[in-house]
Amino acid sequence: MNRIGFILTSLLVLLALLSSMLFVVDQRQFGVVYALGQVKEVISEPGLKFKLPPPLQNVSYIDKRLLTLDSVDTEPMLTAEKQRVVIDWYVRWRIIDPLAYIRNVGLDEAAGNNQLNRVVRNAFQEEVNRFTVGELLSAKREQLMQDVKREVTDVVKGAKPWGIDIIDVRITRADYVDAITESVYRRMEAERKRVANELRSTGAAEGEKIRADADRQREVTIANAYRDAQKIKGEGDAQAASVYGEAFGRDPQFAQFYRSLEAYKSSFSKKSDVLVVDPNGSEFFRAFRGGLSGGGGAAAPAQAPRR
């Protein structure tokens, strides 16, 4: 029984020893084997690997995938015209030489992020000083990113290479600091109001011009219409007078009687009209007195109508 227990214990110890000697390198990682604190081997091929059991040899892993470093520093930078702006950026980078990376940077990706953040920050500060705000926002933005990438690449591949490759450097935001953003917005608002007032003034002037032109055309149209109306009215009156003259010429006594009736009608058109004359000696009431007679003449009325 003791022999069986000894065998089982031995097998367990052997399995534990074998498990400490075996390790798996993922295809997304580098395997770094250490022997007494010194780098013994860097494994870049994935698969099942062997090493000596601890503490003789240990293994750590470094990511070989594309890594991203985002800016976390909000300290403003000065542009060429001494404007304070905040730049948000990110960097794409990859470890290509784990041995050089471990010797010159650190044992993990965090060490690379810390040192790379400092280098990129300094590169942006140096390059931003060469551009204006307008250039950062439009024409020279791409050039700035390329210049920063070149400068950072020169640092990481210098006398002591970091063992990394800088894939890309990009700006995500470029803006004024909060202290002057409000004043910039106020200037923009004032400028927009000035343009709006100018447009309103121009519109009002154009409106007055259109209204004046419309009033002028209205007066001209009314004057032309009145002229034409008077002309037509004059022609009508002339034709009416001609017709009356021709008609009254056939019977002068009737014409005189008709004119007297028209005179009476005009004189007594209202109830308040009063006419003071001598009915016996005035020619005005001749028609009432039957002074008109003769063939074709109309008989005069017996008495004047009461108004």
C-alpha atoms as a PDB file:
ATOM      1  CA  MET A   1       0.000   0.000   0.000  1.00  0.00           C
ATOM      2  CA  ASN A   2       2.874   2.337   0.831  1.00  0.00           C
ATOM      3  CA  ARG A   3       4.451   1.398  -2.463  1.00  0.00           C
ATOM      4  CA  ILE A   4       1.321   2.417  -4.413  1.00  0.00           C
ATOM      5  CA  GLY A   5       1.178   5.713  -2.591  1.00  0.00           C
ATOM      6  CA  PHE A   6       4.829   6.344  -3.333  1.00  0.00           C
ATOM      7  CA  ILE A   7       4.255   5.616  -7.034  1.00  0.00           C
ATOM      8  CA  LEU A   8       1.230   7.946  -7.189  1.00  0.00           C
ATOM      9  CA  THR A   9       3.150  10.688  -5.421  1.00  0.00           C
ATOM     10  CA  SER A  10       6.066  10.263  -7.769  1.00  0.00           C
ATOM     11  CA  LEU A  11       3.791  10.469 -10.785  1.00  0.00           C
ATOM     12  CA  LEU A  12       2.173  13.632  -9.477  1.00  0.00           C
ATOM     13  CA  VAL A  13       5.559  15.226  -8.857  1.00  0.00           C
ATOM     14  CA  LEU A  14       6.694  14.177 -12.326  1.00  0.00           C
ATOM     15  CA  LEU A  15       3.543  15.663 -13.929  1.00  0.00           C
ATOM     16  CA  ALA A  16       4.030  18.911 -12.004  1.00  0.00           C
ATOM     17  CA  LEU A  17       7.642  19.039 -13.139  1.00  0.00           C
ATOM     18  CA  LEU A  18       6.694  18.394 -16.748  1.00  0.00           C
ATOM     19  CA  SER A  19       3.941  21.034 -16.625  1.00  0.00           C
ATOM     20  CA  SER A  20       6.452  23.592 -15.340  1.00  0.00           C
ATOM     21  CA  MET A  21       8.750  22.737 -18.252  1.00  0.00           C
ATOM     22  CA  LEU A  22       6.069  23.062 -20.927  1.00  0.00           C
ATOM     23  CA  PHE A  23       4.532  26.349 -22.081  1.00  0.00           C
ATOM     24  CA  VAL A  24       2.441  27.508 -25.058  1.00  0.00           C
ATOM     25  CA  VAL A  25       3.294  30.535 -27.183  1.00  0.00           C
ATOM     26  CA  ASP A  26       0.216  32.118 -28.747  1.00  0.00           C
ATOM     27  CA  GLN A  27       0.416  33.378 -32.314  1.00  0.00           C
ATOM     28  CA  ARG A  28      -0.370  36.884 -31.021  1.00  0.00           C
ATOM     29  CA  GLN A  29       2.578  36.916 -28.616  1.00  0.00           C
ATOM     30  CA  PHE A  30       6.329  36.661 -28.262  1.00  0.00           C
ATOM     31  CA  GLY A  31       7.614  34.187 -25.660  1.00  0.00           C
ATOM     32  CA  VAL A  32      10.646  35.397 -23.706  1.00  0.00           C
ATOM     33  CA  VAL A  33      12.578  32.790 -21.722  1.00  0.00           C
ATOM     34  CA  TYR A  34      14.643  34.060 -18.762  1.00  0.00           C
ATOM     35  CA  ALA A  35      17.487  32.141 -17.107  1.00  0.00           C
ATOM     36  CA  LEU A  36      18.444  33.574 -13.711  1.00  0.00           C
ATOM     37  CA  GLY A  37      17.151  37.029 -14.696  1.00  0.00           C
ATOM     38  CA  GLN A  38      18.857  37.092 -18.099  1.00  0.00           C
ATOM     39  CA  VAL A  39      17.069  36.758 -21.445  1.00  0.00           C
ATOM     40  CA  LYS A  40      17.861  33.288 -22.689  1.00  0.00           C
ATOM     41  CA  GLU A  41      15.648  33.015 -25.730  1.00  0.00           C
ATOM     42  CA  VAL A  42      12.949  34.897 -27.635  1.00  0.00           C
ATOM     43  CA  ILE A  43      10.348  32.675 -29.267  1.00  0.00           C
ATOM     44  CA  SER A  44       8.288  34.202 -32.066  1.00  0.00           C
ATOM     45  CA  GLU A  45       6.761  31.028 -33.535  1.00  0.00           C
ATOM     46  CA  PRO A  46       3.559  29.767 -31.911  1.00  0.00           C
ATOM     47  CA  GLY A  47       3.279  26.274 -30.459  1.00  0.00           C
ATOM     48  CA  LEU A  48       4.183  24.058 -27.504  1.00  0.00           C
ATOM     49  CA  LYS A  49       7.668  24.856 -26.161  1.00  0.00           C
ATOM     50  CA  PHE A  50      10.051  23.457 -23.518  1.00  0.00           C
ATOM     51  CA  LYS A  51      12.176  25.130 -20.859  1.00  0.00           C
ATOM     52  CA  LEU A  52      13.900  24.257 -17.603  1.00  0.00           C
ATOM     53  CA  PRO A  53      11.708  24.264 -14.532  1.00  0.00           C
ATOM     54  CA  PRO A  54      11.628  27.330 -12.249  1.00  0.00           C
ATOM     55  CA  PRO A  55      13.682  28.900 -10.807  1.00  0.00           C
ATOM     56  CA  LEU A  56      16.185  27.897 -13.437  1.00  0.00           C
ATOM     57  CA  GLN A  57      14.111  29.360 -16.263  1.00  0.00           C
ATOM     58  CA  ASN A  58      10.955  31.473 -16.415  1.00  0.00           C
ATOM     59  CA  VAL A  59       8.854  32.700 -19.332  1.00  0.00           C
ATOM     60  CA  SER A  60       6.958  35.948 -19.995  1.00  0.00           C
ATOM     61  CA  TYR A  61       4.934  37.123 -22.941  1.00  0.00           C
ATOM     62  CA  ILE A  62       4.950  40.317 -25.010  1.00  0.00           C
ATOM     63  CA  ASP A  63       2.121  41.266 -27.367  1.00  0.00           C
ATOM     64  CA  LYS A  64       3.123  41.272 -31.035  1.00  0.00           C
ATOM     65  CA  ARG A  65      -0.168  42.766 -32.256  1.00  0.00           C
ATOM     66  CA  LEU A  66      -0.774  46.348 -33.365  1.00  0.00           C
ATOM     67  CA  LEU A  67      -0.991  48.502 -30.223  1.00  0.00           C
ATOM     68  CA  THR A  68      -2.694  51.872 -29.721  1.00  0.00           C
ATOM     69  CA  LEU A  69      -1.488  54.712 -27.520  1.00  0.00           C
ATOM     70  CA  ASP A  70      -4.085  57.437 -26.833  1.00  0.00           C
ATOM     71  CA  SER A  71      -3.142  60.847 -25.505  1.00  0.00           C
ATOM     72  CA  VAL A  72      -4.037  61.487 -21.875  1.00  0.00           C
ATOM     73  CA  ASP A  73      -2.295  64.838 -21.376  1.00  0.00           C
ATOM     74  CA  THR A  74      -4.536  67.904 -21.745  1.00  0.00           C
ATOM     75  CA  GLU A  75      -1.778  70.483 -21.286  1.00  0.00           C
ATOM     76  CA  PRO A  76      -2.115  73.183 -23.998  1.00  0.00           C
ATOM     77  CA  MET A  77       0.463  73.755 -26.716  1.00  0.00           C
ATOM     78  CA  LEU A  78       1.476  77.044 -28.340  1.00  0.00           C
ATOM     79  CA  THR A  79       1.013  77.571 -32.072  1.00  0.00           C
ATOM     80  CA  ALA A  80       3.036  79.806 -34.366  1.00  0.00           C
ATOM     81  CA  GLU A  81       0.836  82.823 -33.511  1.00  0.00           C
ATOM     82  CA  LYS A  82       1.112  82.023 -29.762  1.00  0.00           C
ATOM     83  CA  GLN A  83      -2.395  80.621 -29.472  1.00  0.00           C
ATOM     84  CA  ARG A  84      -2.927  77.956 -26.808  1.00  0.00           C
ATOM     85  CA  VAL A  85      -4.533  74.830 -28.235  1.00  0.00           C
ATOM     86  CA  VAL A  86      -5.246  71.328 -26.959  1.00  0.00           C
ATOM     87  CA  ILE A  87      -4.283  68.444 -29.259  1.00  0.00           C
ATOM     88  CA  ASP A  88      -5.770  64.958 -28.870  1.00  0.00           C
ATOM     89  CA  TRP A  89      -3.883  62.252 -30.742  1.00  0.00           C
ATOM     90  CA  TYR A  90      -3.266  58.531 -30.946  1.00  0.00           C
ATOM     91  CA  VAL A  91      -0.332  56.404 -32.146  1.00  0.00           C
ATOM     92  CA  ARG A  92      -0.373  52.945 -33.723  1.00  0.00           C
ATOM     93  CA  TRP A  93       2.788  50.978 -32.916  1.00  0.00           C
ATOM     94  CA  ARG A  94       4.081  47.417 -32.858  1.00  0.00           C
ATOM     95  CA  ILE A  95       6.933  45.539 -31.157  1.00  0.00           C
ATOM     96  CA  ILE A  96       9.188  44.015 -33.817  1.00  0.00           C
ATOM     97  CA  ASP A  97      12.350  43.199 -31.788  1.00  0.00           C
ATOM     98  CA  PRO A  98      11.458  41.887 -28.316  1.00  0.00           C
ATOM     99  CA  LEU A  99      15.091  41.622 -27.207  1.00  0.00           C
ATOM    100  CA  ALA A 100      15.863  45.284 -27.996  1.00  0.00           C
ATOM    101  CA  TYR A 101      12.528  46.290 -26.500  1.00  0.00           C
ATOM    102  CA  ILE A 102      13.258  44.541 -23.204  1.00  0.00           C
ATOM    103  CA  ARG A 103      16.782  45.962 -22.982  1.00  0.00           C
ATOM    104  CA  ASN A 104      15.947  49.586 -23.845  1.00  0.00           C
ATOM    105  CA  VAL A 105      12.275  50.040 -22.883  1.00  0.00           C
ATOM    106  CA  GLY A 106      10.852  47.540 -20.406  1.00  0.00           C
ATOM    107  CA  LEU A 107       9.336  44.142 -19.796  1.00  0.00           C
ATOM    108  CA  ASP A 108       5.757  44.873 -20.916  1.00  0.00           C
ATOM    109  CA  GLU A 109       3.639  47.066 -23.182  1.00  0.00           C
ATOM    110  CA  ALA A 110       2.881  49.563 -20.401  1.00  0.00           C
ATOM    111  CA  ALA A 111       6.542  50.582 -20.253  1.00  0.00           C
ATOM    112  CA  GLY A 112       6.503  51.259 -23.986  1.00  0.00           C
ATOM    113  CA  ASN A 113       3.314  53.331 -23.692  1.00  0.00           C
ATOM    114  CA  ASN A 114       4.828  55.480 -20.933  1.00  0.00           C
ATOM    115  CA  GLN A 115       8.013  56.282 -22.781  1.00  0.00           C
ATOM    116  CA  LEU A 116       6.320  56.635 -26.168  1.00  0.00           C
ATOM    117  CA  ASN A 117       3.768  59.078 -24.709  1.00  0.00           C
ATOM    118  CA  ARG A 118       6.586  61.362 -23.595  1.00  0.00           C
ATOM    119  CA  VAL A 119       8.327  61.256 -26.986  1.00  0.00           C
ATOM    120  CA  VAL A 120       5.123  61.871 -28.967  1.00  0.00           C
ATOM    121  CA  ARG A 121       4.130  64.706 -26.646  1.00  0.00           C
ATOM    122  CA  ASN A 122       7.478  66.452 -27.157  1.00  0.00           C
ATOM    123  CA  ALA A 123       7.298  65.920 -30.928  1.00  0.00           C
ATOM    124  CA  PHE A 124       3.830  67.453 -31.113  1.00  0.00           C
ATOM    125  CA  GLN A 125       4.894  70.442 -29.028  1.00  0.00           C
ATOM    126  CA  GLU A 126       7.871  71.077 -31.296  1.00  0.00           C
ATOM    127  CA  GLU A 127       5.922  70.678 -34.534  1.00  0.00           C
ATOM    128  CA  VAL A 128       2.806  72.602 -33.438  1.00  0.00           C
ATOM    129  CA  ASN A 129       4.993  75.660 -32.812  1.00  0.00           C
ATOM    130  CA  ARG A 130       5.625  75.809 -36.571  1.00  0.00           C
ATOM    131  CA  PHE A 131       1.948  75.973 -37.623  1.00  0.00           C
ATOM    132  CA  THR A 132      -0.960  78.373 -37.154  1.00  0.00           C
ATOM    133  CA  VAL A 133      -4.373  77.352 -35.856  1.00  0.00           C
ATOM    134  CA  GLY A 134      -5.859  77.613 -39.346  1.00  0.00           C
ATOM    135  CA  GLU A 135      -3.180  75.303 -40.723  1.00  0.00           C
ATOM    136  CA  LEU A 136      -3.757  72.793 -37.919  1.00  0.00           C
ATOM    137  CA  LEU A 137      -7.437  72.659 -38.766  1.00  0.00           C
ATOM    138  CA  SER A 138      -7.145  72.434 -42.539  1.00  0.00           C
ATOM    139  CA  ALA A 139      -4.270  72.625 -44.982  1.00  0.00           C
ATOM    140  CA  LYS A 140      -1.249  71.537 -42.926  1.00  0.00           C
ATOM    141  CA  ARG A 141      -2.910  68.957 -40.665  1.00  0.00           C
ATOM    142  CA  GLU A 142      -1.657  65.953 -42.659  1.00  0.00           C
ATOM    143  CA  GLN A 143       1.840  67.424 -42.895  1.00  0.00           C
ATOM    144  CA  LEU A 144       1.927  67.929 -39.106  1.00  0.00           C
ATOM    145  CA  MET A 145       1.039  64.276 -38.475  1.00  0.00           C
ATOM    146  CA  GLN A 146       3.694  63.085 -40.929  1.00  0.00           C
ATOM    147  CA  ASP A 147       6.322  65.342 -39.342  1.00  0.00           C
ATOM    148  CA  VAL A 148       5.502  64.032 -35.865  1.00  0.00           C
ATOM    149  CA  LYS A 149       5.635  60.444 -37.088  1.00  0.00           C
ATOM    150  CA  ARG A 150       9.050  61.041 -38.667  1.00  0.00           C
ATOM    151  CA  GLU A 151      10.418  62.666 -35.533  1.00  0.00           C
ATOM    152  CA  VAL A 152       9.143  59.891 -33.245  1.00  0.00           C
ATOM    153  CA  THR A 153      10.526  57.237 -35.606  1.00  0.00           C
ATOM    154  CA  ASP A 154      13.943  58.910 -35.499  1.00  0.00           C
ATOM    155  CA  VAL A 155      13.916  58.707 -31.693  1.00  0.00           C
ATOM    156  CA  VAL A 156      12.809  55.056 -31.381  1.00  0.00           C
ATOM    157  CA  LYS A 157      15.292  53.953 -34.065  1.00  0.00           C
ATOM    158  CA  GLY A 158      18.202  56.063 -32.785  1.00  0.00           C
ATOM    159  CA  ALA A 159      21.424  55.050 -31.087  1.00  0.00           C
ATOM    160  CA  LYS A 160      19.520  52.676 -28.775  1.00  0.00           C
ATOM    161  CA  PRO A 161      16.681  51.212 -30.849  1.00  0.00           C
ATOM    162  CA  TRP A 162      13.506  50.490 -28.959  1.00  0.00           C
ATOM    163  CA  GLY A 163      12.659  47.492 -31.091  1.00  0.00           C
ATOM    164  CA  ILE A 164       9.308  48.972 -32.130  1.00  0.00           C
ATOM    165  CA  ASP A 165       7.814  50.250 -35.348  1.00  0.00           C
ATOM    166  CA  ILE A 166       5.634  53.392 -35.534  1.00  0.00           C
ATOM    167  CA  ILE A 167       2.754  52.602 -37.892  1.00  0.00           C
ATOM    168  CA  ASP A 168       0.744  55.813 -37.773  1.00  0.00           C
ATOM    169  CA  VAL A 169       0.225  59.070 -35.880  1.00  0.00           C
ATOM    170  CA  ARG A 170      -3.182  60.761 -36.035  1.00  0.00           C
ATOM    171  CA  ILE A 171      -4.820  63.879 -34.580  1.00  0.00           C
ATOM    172  CA  THR A 172      -8.359  63.333 -33.305  1.00  0.00           C
ATOM    173  CA  ARG A 173      -9.057  66.858 -32.042  1.00  0.00           C
ATOM    174  CA  ALA A 174      -7.444  70.279 -32.174  1.00  0.00           C
ATOM    175  CA  ASP A 175      -9.233  72.976 -30.194  1.00  0.00           C
ATOM    176  CA  TYR A 176      -8.669  76.097 -28.165  1.00  0.00           C
ATOM    177  CA  VAL A 177      -8.305  75.796 -24.416  1.00  0.00           C
ATOM    178  CA  ASP A 178     -11.444  76.361 -22.356  1.00  0.00           C
ATOM    179  CA  ALA A 179     -10.196  79.742 -21.149  1.00  0.00           C
ATOM    180  CA  ILE A 180     -10.416  81.307 -24.614  1.00  0.00           C
ATOM    181  CA  THR A 181     -13.050  79.095 -26.247  1.00  0.00           C
ATOM    182  CA  GLU A 182     -15.842  81.264 -24.861  1.00  0.00           C
ATOM    183  CA  SER A 183     -14.259  84.465 -26.191  1.00  0.00           C
ATOM    184  CA  VAL A 184     -13.807  82.831 -29.591  1.00  0.00           C
ATOM    185  CA  TYR A 185     -17.482  81.862 -29.627  1.00  0.00           C
ATOM    186  CA  ARG A 186     -18.457  85.416 -28.681  1.00  0.00           C
ATOM    187  CA  ARG A 187     -16.389  86.828 -31.542  1.00  0.00           C
ATOM    188  CA  MET A 188     -17.944  84.340 -33.924  1.00  0.00           C
ATOM    189  CA  GLU A 189     -21.416  85.247 -32.665  1.00  0.00           C
ATOM    190  CA  ALA A 190     -20.696  88.974 -33.055  1.00  0.00           C
ATOM    191  CA  GLU A 191     -19.437  88.402 -36.584  1.00  0.00           C
ATOM    192  CA  ARG A 192     -22.535  86.394 -37.500  1.00  0.00           C
ATOM    193  CA  LYS A 193     -24.760  89.121 -36.047  1.00  0.00           C
ATOM    194  CA  ARG A 194     -22.897  91.760 -38.027  1.00  0.00           C
ATOM    195  CA  VAL A 195     -23.394  89.799 -41.241  1.00  0.00           C
ATOM    196  CA  ALA A 196     -27.065  89.231 -40.389  1.00  0.00           C
ATOM    197  CA  ASN A 197     -27.640  92.944 -39.710  1.00  0.00           C
ATOM    198  CA  GLU A 198     -25.877  93.824 -42.950  1.00  0.00           C
ATOM    199  CA  LEU A 199     -28.095  91.414 -44.847  1.00  0.00           C
ATOM    200  CA  ARG A 200     -31.194  92.823 -43.127  1.00  0.00           C
ATOM    201  CA  SER A 201     -30.151  96.392 -44.030  1.00  0.00           C
ATOM    202  CA  THR A 202     -29.522  95.376 -47.626  1.00  0.00           C
ATOM    203  CA  GLY A 203     -32.884  93.611 -47.727  1.00  0.00           C
ATOM    204  CA  ALA A 204     -34.672  96.630 -46.244  1.00  0.00           C
ATOM    205  CA  ALA A 205     -33.040  98.931 -48.810  1.00  0.00           C
ATOM    206  CA  GLU A 206     -34.016  96.597 -51.629  1.00  0.00           C
ATOM    207  CA  GLY A 207     -37.549  96.427 -50.203  1.00  0.00           C
ATOM    208  CA  GLU A 208     -37.843 100.215 -50.136  1.00  0.00           C
ATOM    209  CA  LYS A 209     -36.528 100.380 -53.671  1.00  0.00           C
ATOM    210  CA  ILE A 210     -39.057  97.797 -54.866  1.00  0.00           C
ATOM    211  CA  ARG A 211     -41.914  99.538 -53.025  1.00  0.00           C
ATOM    212  CA  ALA A 212     -40.916 102.932 -54.465  1.00  0.00           C
ATOM    213  CA  ASP A 213     -40.772 101.466 -57.945  1.00  0.00           C
ATOM    214  CA  ALA A 214     -44.157  99.789 -57.420  1.00  0.00           C
ATOM    215  CA  ASP A 215     -45.686 103.083 -56.186  1.00  0.00           C
ATOM    216  CA  ARG A 216     -44.241 104.905 -59.189  1.00  0.00           C
ATOM    217  CA  GLN A 217     -45.641 102.300 -61.567  1.00  0.00           C
ATOM    218  CA  ARG A 218     -48.981 102.524 -59.742  1.00  0.00           C
ATOM    219  CA  GLU A 219     -49.123 106.312 -60.145  1.00  0.00           C
ATOM    220  CA  VAL A 220     -48.141 106.041 -63.796  1.00  0.00           C
ATOM    221  CA  THR A 221     -50.769 103.359 -64.389  1.00  0.00           C
ATOM    222  CA  ILE A 222     -53.486 105.387 -62.633  1.00  0.00           C
ATOM    223  CA  ALA A 223     -52.512 108.538 -64.539  1.00  0.00           C
ATOM    224  CA  ASN A 224     -52.583 106.693 -67.855  1.00  0.00           C
ATOM    225  CA  ALA A 225     -55.918 105.112 -66.964  1.00  0.00           C
ATOM    226  CA  TYR A 226     -57.356 108.493 -65.949  1.00  0.00           C
ATOM    227  CA  ARG A 227     -56.090 110.056 -69.171  1.00  0.00           C
ATOM    228  CA  ASP A 228     -57.636 107.284 -71.237  1.00  0.00           C
ATOM    229  CA  ALA A 229     -60.862 107.493 -69.223  1.00  0.00           C
ATOM    230  CA  GLN A 230     -61.119 111.240 -69.712  1.00  0.00           C
ATOM    231  CA  LYS A 231     -60.414 110.833 -73.385  1.00  0.00           C
ATOM    232  CA  ILE A 232     -63.120 108.201 -73.717  1.00  0.00           C
ATOM    233  CA  LYS A 233     -65.470 110.265 -71.589  1.00  0.00           C
ATOM    234  CA  GLY A 234     -64.853 113.347 -73.770  1.00  0.00           C
ATOM    235  CA  GLU A 235     -65.454 111.344 -76.907  1.00  0.00           C
ATOM    236  CA  GLY A 236     -68.646 109.954 -75.329  1.00  0.00           C
ATOM    237  CA  ASP A 237     -69.824 113.422 -74.313  1.00  0.00           C
ATOM    238  CA  ALA A 238     -69.110 114.708 -77.798  1.00  0.00           C
ATOM    239  CA  GLN A 239     -71.053 111.867 -79.340  1.00  0.00           C
ATOM    240  CA  ALA A 240     -73.882 112.377 -76.818  1.00  0.00           C
ATOM    241  CA  ALA A 241     -73.984 116.103 -77.561  1.00  0.00           C
ATOM    242  CA  SER A 242     -74.056 115.368 -81.267  1.00  0.00           C
ATOM    243  CA  VAL A 243     -76.913 112.895 -80.779  1.00  0.00           C
ATOM    244  CA  TYR A 244     -78.795 115.332 -78.527  1.00  0.00           C
ATOM    245  CA  GLY A 245     -78.240 118.164 -80.944  1.00  0.00           C
ATOM    246  CA  GLU A 246     -79.486 116.105 -83.857  1.00  0.00           C
ATOM    247  CA  ALA A 247     -82.493 114.850 -81.866  1.00  0.00           C
ATOM    248  CA  PHE A 248     -83.400 118.255 -80.424  1.00  0.00           C
ATOM    249  CA  GLY A 249     -82.966 119.924 -83.789  1.00  0.00           C
ATOM    250  CA  ARG A 250     -85.945 118.032 -85.107  1.00  0.00           C
ATOM    251  CA  ASP A 251     -88.261 119.579 -82.434  1.00  0.00           C
ATOM    252  CA  PRO A 252     -86.873 122.744 -80.799  1.00  0.00           C
ATOM    253  CA  GLN A 253     -89.925 123.263 -78.560  1.00  0.00           C
ATOM    254  CA  PHE A 254     -89.607 119.748 -77.098  1.00  0.00           C
ATOM    255  CA  ALA A 255     -85.913 120.301 -76.602  1.00  0.00           C
ATOM    256  CA  GLN A 256     -86.570 123.492 -74.656  1.00  0.00           C
ATOM    257  CA  PHE A 257     -89.214 121.728 -72.572  1.00  0.00           C
ATOM    258  CA  TYR A 258     -86.816 118.815 -71.874  1.00  0.00           C
ATOM    259  CA  ARG A 259     -84.050 121.185 -70.791  1.00  0.00           C
ATOM    260  CA  SER A 260     -86.489 122.965 -68.447  1.00  0.00           C
ATOM    261  CA  LEU A 261     -87.386 119.634 -66.819  1.00  0.00           C
ATOM    262  CA  GLU A 262     -83.709 118.803 -66.412  1.00  0.00           C
ATOM    263  CA  ALA A 263     -83.186 122.234 -64.791  1.00  0.00           C
ATOM    264  CA  TYR A 264     -86.087 121.617 -62.393  1.00  0.00           C
ATOM    265  CA  LYS A 265     -84.716 118.192 -61.557  1.00  0.00           C
ATOM    266  CA  SER A 266     -81.262 119.603 -60.767  1.00  0.00           C
ATOM    267  CA  SER A 267     -82.682 122.534 -58.758  1.00  0.00           C
ATOM    268  CA  PHE A 268     -84.920 120.369 -56.552  1.00  0.00           C
ATOM    269  CA  SER A 269     -82.767 117.246 -56.148  1.00  0.00           C
ATOM    270  CA  LYS A 270     -83.053 117.338 -52.325  1.00  0.00           C
ATOM    271  CA  LYS A 271     -85.903 117.957 -49.939  1.00  0.00           C
ATOM    272  CA  SER A 272     -84.000 120.815 -48.354  1.00  0.00           C
ATOM    273  CA  ASP A 273     -83.498 122.704 -51.636  1.00  0.00           C
ATOM    274  CA  VAL A 274     -85.152 126.153 -51.680  1.00  0.00           C
ATOM    275  CA  LEU A 275     -85.407 128.470 -54.696  1.00  0.00           C
ATOM    276  CA  VAL A 276     -86.747 132.043 -54.282  1.00  0.00           C
ATOM    277  CA  VAL A 277     -87.940 133.522 -57.618  1.00  0.00           C
ATOM    278  CA  ASP A 278     -90.957 135.343 -59.008  1.00  0.00           C
ATOM    279  CA  PRO A 279     -93.008 132.651 -60.698  1.00  0.00           C
ATOM    280  CA  ASN A 280     -94.941 135.160 -62.782  1.00  0.00           C
ATOM    281  CA  GLY A 281     -92.057 137.215 -64.094  1.00  0.00           C
ATOM    282  CA  SER A 282     -89.315 134.561 -64.276  1.00  0.00           C
ATOM    283  CA  GLU A 283     -88.548 132.607 -67.421  1.00  0.00           C
ATOM    284  CA  PHE A 284     -87.420 129.736 -65.228  1.00  0.00           C
ATOM    285  CA  PHE A 285     -91.025 128.599 -64.589  1.00  0.00           C
ATOM    286  CA  ARG A 286     -92.177 129.180 -68.122  1.00  0.00           C
ATOM    287  CA  ALA A 287     -92.699 125.457 -68.671  1.00  0.00           C
ATOM    288  CA  PHE A 288     -94.954 125.296 -65.601  1.00  0.00           C
ATOM    289  CA  ARG A 289     -97.074 128.079 -66.920  1.00  0.00           C
ATOM    290  CA  GLY A 290     -97.620 126.240 -70.224  1.00  0.00           C
ATOM    291  CA  GLY A 291     -95.610 128.694 -72.212  1.00  0.00           C
ATOM    292  CA  LEU A 292     -94.504 125.960 -74.635  1.00  0.00           C
ATOM    293  CA  SER A 293     -96.979 124.924 -77.282  1.00  0.00           C
ATOM    294  CA  GLY A 294     -97.067 123.910 -80.897  1.00  0.00           C
ATOM    295  CA  GLY A 295     -97.016 120.809 -82.964  1.00  0.00           C
ATOM    296  CA  GLY A 296     -94.817 118.089 -81.645  1.00  0.00           C
ATOM    297  CA  GLY A 297     -94.275 119.905 -78.330  1.00  0.00           C
ATOM    298  CA  ALA A 298     -94.968 118.121 -75.129  1.00  0.00           C
ATOM    299  CA  ALA A 299     -97.648 119.498 -72.837  1.00  0.00           C
ATOM    300  CA  ALA A 300     -96.351 121.270 -69.748  1.00  0.00           C
ATOM    301  CA  PRO A 301     -97.330 119.913 -66.367  1.00  0.00           C
ATOM    302  CA  ALA A 302    -100.250 121.499 -64.546  1.00  0.00           C
ATOM    303  CA  GLN A 303     -98.183 122.408 -61.479  1.00  0.00           C
ATOM    304  CA  ALA A 304     -94.717 122.120 -60.093  1.00  0.00           C
ATOM    305  CA  PRO A 305     -94.027 118.911 -58.155  1.00  0.00           C
ATOM    306  CA  ARG A 306     -93.634 119.236 -54.434  1.00  0.00           C
ATOM    307  CA  ARG A 307     -90.261 118.282 -53.005  1.00  0.00           C
END
